[in-house]
Amino acid sequence: MNEKVQQIVKQVRGFTGEVGAEFQRTTWPDRRELVQSTVVVMVFIVLLAFSVLACDKVIQFMLHLIHA
C-alpha cells in the first residue's frame, strides 16, 4: 500500500510540474485585449438574448392565433 501511495504522489508531482511549465509557456492577453474580448462576448450574449426573445414572442403570437 505504501508503494502505491508513493507512486500516486510521484504522479501528482509530475503533473503539477507539467502544469507549471505550461503556465510559463502560455501568453496571457494584456488588459486592452481582455477588455475587448469581454465586450465582444457581452454584446454577443445580449444579441443572443434578444434573438431568443424575438423567437419566443413569434411562437407566442402564433400559438395565440391558433387558440383564439
N, C-alpha and C. Protein backbone atom coordinates (compact mmCIF):
# COMPACT_ATOMS: atom_id res chain seq x y z
N MET A 1 0.83 -1.19 0.00
CA MET A 1 0.00 0.00 0.00
C MET A 1 0.87 1.25 0.00
N ASN A 2 1.97 1.22 0.73
CA ASN A 2 2.86 2.36 0.82
C ASN A 2 3.47 2.69 -0.55
N GLU A 3 3.80 1.65 -1.32
CA GLU A 3 4.37 1.87 -2.65
C GLU A 3 3.35 2.53 -3.56
N LYS A 4 2.12 2.13 -3.42
CA LYS A 4 1.06 2.70 -4.25
C LYS A 4 0.88 4.19 -3.94
N VAL A 5 0.91 4.54 -2.67
CA VAL A 5 0.78 5.94 -2.26
C VAL A 5 1.95 6.75 -2.80
N GLN A 6 3.15 6.20 -2.69
CA GLN A 6 4.33 6.90 -3.20
C GLN A 6 4.25 7.09 -4.71
N GLN A 7 3.73 6.10 -5.41
CA GLN A 7 3.58 6.21 -6.86
C GLN A 7 2.57 7.31 -7.21
N ILE A 8 1.48 7.37 -6.47
CA ILE A 8 0.47 8.40 -6.72
C ILE A 8 1.05 9.78 -6.44
N VAL A 9 1.78 9.92 -5.34
CA VAL A 9 2.40 11.21 -5.01
C VAL A 9 3.38 11.62 -6.11
N LYS A 10 4.14 10.66 -6.62
CA LYS A 10 5.09 10.95 -7.70
C LYS A 10 4.36 11.41 -8.96
N GLN A 11 3.25 10.77 -9.28
CA GLN A 11 2.47 11.16 -10.46
C GLN A 11 1.87 12.56 -10.29
N VAL A 12 1.39 12.85 -9.09
CA VAL A 12 0.80 14.17 -8.83
C VAL A 12 1.87 15.25 -8.94
N ARG A 13 3.04 15.00 -8.40
CA ARG A 13 4.13 15.98 -8.50
C ARG A 13 4.54 16.20 -9.95
N GLY A 14 4.60 15.13 -10.71
CA GLY A 14 4.93 15.26 -12.13
C GLY A 14 3.88 16.08 -12.87
N PHE A 15 2.63 15.81 -12.56
CA PHE A 15 1.54 16.54 -13.21
C PHE A 15 1.58 18.02 -12.86
N THR A 16 1.76 18.34 -11.57
CA THR A 16 1.80 19.75 -11.18
C THR A 16 3.01 20.45 -11.78
N GLY A 17 4.11 19.75 -11.93
CA GLY A 17 5.28 20.33 -12.59
C GLY A 17 4.99 20.65 -14.05
N GLU A 18 4.29 19.75 -14.72
CA GLU A 18 3.92 19.98 -16.12
C GLU A 18 2.95 21.15 -16.25
N VAL A 19 2.02 21.25 -15.30
CA VAL A 19 1.07 22.37 -15.32
C VAL A 19 1.81 23.69 -15.14
N GLY A 20 2.76 23.73 -14.23
CA GLY A 20 3.54 24.94 -14.01
C GLY A 20 4.33 25.34 -15.25
N ALA A 21 4.92 24.35 -15.92
CA ALA A 21 5.67 24.62 -17.15
C ALA A 21 4.74 25.15 -18.24
N GLU A 22 3.55 24.60 -18.32
CA GLU A 22 2.59 25.06 -19.32
C GLU A 22 2.14 26.49 -19.04
N PHE A 23 1.96 26.84 -17.78
CA PHE A 23 1.59 28.21 -17.43
C PHE A 23 2.68 29.19 -17.84
N GLN A 24 3.93 28.79 -17.72
CA GLN A 24 5.03 29.67 -18.12
C GLN A 24 5.08 29.85 -19.63
N ARG A 25 4.68 28.84 -20.40
CA ARG A 25 4.69 28.94 -21.86
C ARG A 25 3.48 29.71 -22.39
N THR A 26 2.45 29.85 -21.58
CA THR A 26 1.22 30.50 -22.02
C THR A 26 1.44 32.00 -22.18
N THR A 27 0.90 32.55 -23.28
CA THR A 27 0.93 34.00 -23.45
C THR A 27 -0.43 34.54 -23.03
N TRP A 28 -0.42 35.38 -22.03
CA TRP A 28 -1.65 35.91 -21.48
C TRP A 28 -1.99 37.22 -22.17
N PRO A 29 -3.28 37.52 -22.38
CA PRO A 29 -3.65 38.78 -23.04
C PRO A 29 -3.38 39.96 -22.12
N ASP A 30 -3.06 41.10 -22.76
CA ASP A 30 -2.90 42.30 -21.94
C ASP A 30 -4.29 42.85 -21.60
N ARG A 31 -4.31 43.90 -20.81
CA ARG A 31 -5.58 44.43 -20.31
C ARG A 31 -6.49 44.87 -21.46
N ARG A 32 -5.92 45.52 -22.47
CA ARG A 32 -6.70 46.01 -23.60
C ARG A 32 -7.38 44.86 -24.34
N GLU A 33 -6.63 43.81 -24.62
CA GLU A 33 -7.20 42.64 -25.30
C GLU A 33 -8.28 41.98 -24.46
N LEU A 34 -8.04 41.92 -23.17
CA LEU A 34 -9.01 41.29 -22.27
C LEU A 34 -10.32 42.07 -22.25
N VAL A 35 -10.23 43.40 -22.19
CA VAL A 35 -11.43 44.23 -22.18
C VAL A 35 -12.17 44.10 -23.51
N GLN A 36 -11.43 44.12 -24.62
CA GLN A 36 -12.07 43.98 -25.93
C GLN A 36 -12.80 42.64 -26.06
N SER A 37 -12.15 41.58 -25.64
CA SER A 37 -12.78 40.26 -25.72
C SER A 37 -14.02 40.19 -24.83
N THR A 38 -13.93 40.78 -23.66
CA THR A 38 -15.07 40.78 -22.75
C THR A 38 -16.25 41.53 -23.35
N VAL A 39 -15.98 42.67 -23.98
CA VAL A 39 -17.04 43.46 -24.61
C VAL A 39 -17.68 42.67 -25.75
N VAL A 40 -16.87 42.01 -26.56
CA VAL A 40 -17.39 41.21 -27.67
C VAL A 40 -18.31 40.11 -27.14
N VAL A 41 -17.89 39.43 -26.10
CA VAL A 41 -18.69 38.34 -25.52
C VAL A 41 -20.01 38.89 -24.96
N MET A 42 -19.94 40.02 -24.27
CA MET A 42 -21.16 40.58 -23.68
C MET A 42 -22.14 41.03 -24.77
N VAL A 43 -21.63 41.65 -25.84
CA VAL A 43 -22.50 42.07 -26.95
C VAL A 43 -23.15 40.84 -27.59
N PHE A 44 -22.36 39.79 -27.80
CA PHE A 44 -22.90 38.57 -28.38
C PHE A 44 -24.00 37.98 -27.50
N ILE A 45 -23.80 37.98 -26.20
CA ILE A 45 -24.80 37.44 -25.28
C ILE A 45 -26.09 38.25 -25.34
N VAL A 46 -25.96 39.58 -25.40
CA VAL A 46 -27.15 40.44 -25.49
C VAL A 46 -27.89 40.17 -26.80
N LEU A 47 -27.15 40.08 -27.92
CA LEU A 47 -27.79 39.79 -29.21
C LEU A 47 -28.48 38.42 -29.19
N LEU A 48 -27.83 37.45 -28.60
CA LEU A 48 -28.43 36.12 -28.50
C LEU A 48 -29.69 36.16 -27.65
N ALA A 49 -29.66 36.91 -26.56
CA ALA A 49 -30.83 37.02 -25.69
C ALA A 49 -32.00 37.66 -26.44
N PHE A 50 -31.72 38.71 -27.21
CA PHE A 50 -32.79 39.34 -27.98
C PHE A 50 -33.31 38.42 -29.07
N SER A 51 -32.44 37.62 -29.66
CA SER A 51 -32.88 36.65 -30.67
C SER A 51 -33.82 35.62 -30.06
N VAL A 52 -33.47 35.12 -28.90
CA VAL A 52 -34.32 34.15 -28.21
C VAL A 52 -35.65 34.81 -27.83
N LEU A 53 -35.59 36.04 -27.35
CA LEU A 53 -36.81 36.77 -27.00
C LEU A 53 -37.71 36.94 -28.23
N ALA A 54 -37.12 37.32 -29.36
CA ALA A 54 -37.91 37.51 -30.58
C ALA A 54 -38.55 36.19 -31.02
N CYS A 55 -37.80 35.10 -31.00
CA CYS A 55 -38.37 33.79 -31.36
C CYS A 55 -39.49 33.42 -30.41
N ASP A 56 -39.30 33.66 -29.14
CA ASP A 56 -40.32 33.35 -28.15
C ASP A 56 -41.60 34.14 -28.40
N LYS A 57 -41.45 35.42 -28.71
CA LYS A 57 -42.63 36.25 -28.97
C LYS A 57 -43.35 35.82 -30.25
N VAL A 58 -42.61 35.44 -31.29
CA VAL A 58 -43.23 34.97 -32.52
C VAL A 58 -44.01 33.69 -32.26
N ILE A 59 -43.41 32.76 -31.54
CA ILE A 59 -44.10 31.50 -31.22
C ILE A 59 -45.32 31.77 -30.35
N GLN A 60 -45.16 32.66 -29.38
CA GLN A 60 -46.29 33.01 -28.51
C GLN A 60 -47.43 33.61 -29.33
N PHE A 61 -47.11 34.50 -30.27
CA PHE A 61 -48.13 35.11 -31.12
C PHE A 61 -48.83 34.06 -31.98
N MET A 62 -48.06 33.14 -32.56
CA MET A 62 -48.65 32.08 -33.39
C MET A 62 -49.57 31.19 -32.57
N LEU A 63 -49.14 30.82 -31.38
CA LEU A 63 -49.99 29.99 -30.52
C LEU A 63 -51.26 30.74 -30.12
N HIS A 64 -51.13 32.04 -29.90
CA HIS A 64 -52.30 32.84 -29.56
C HIS A 64 -53.29 32.86 -30.73
N LEU A 65 -52.79 32.94 -31.96
CA LEU A 65 -53.67 32.92 -33.13
C LEU A 65 -54.38 31.58 -33.28
N ILE A 66 -53.65 30.50 -32.99
CA ILE A 66 -54.23 29.16 -33.13
C ILE A 66 -55.33 28.94 -32.10
N HIS A 67 -55.10 29.37 -30.87
CA HIS A 67 -56.05 29.11 -29.78
C HIS A 67 -57.12 30.18 -29.64
N ALA A 68 -57.04 31.24 -30.41
CA ALA A 68 -58.02 32.34 -30.28
C ALA A 68 -59.30 32.03 -31.01
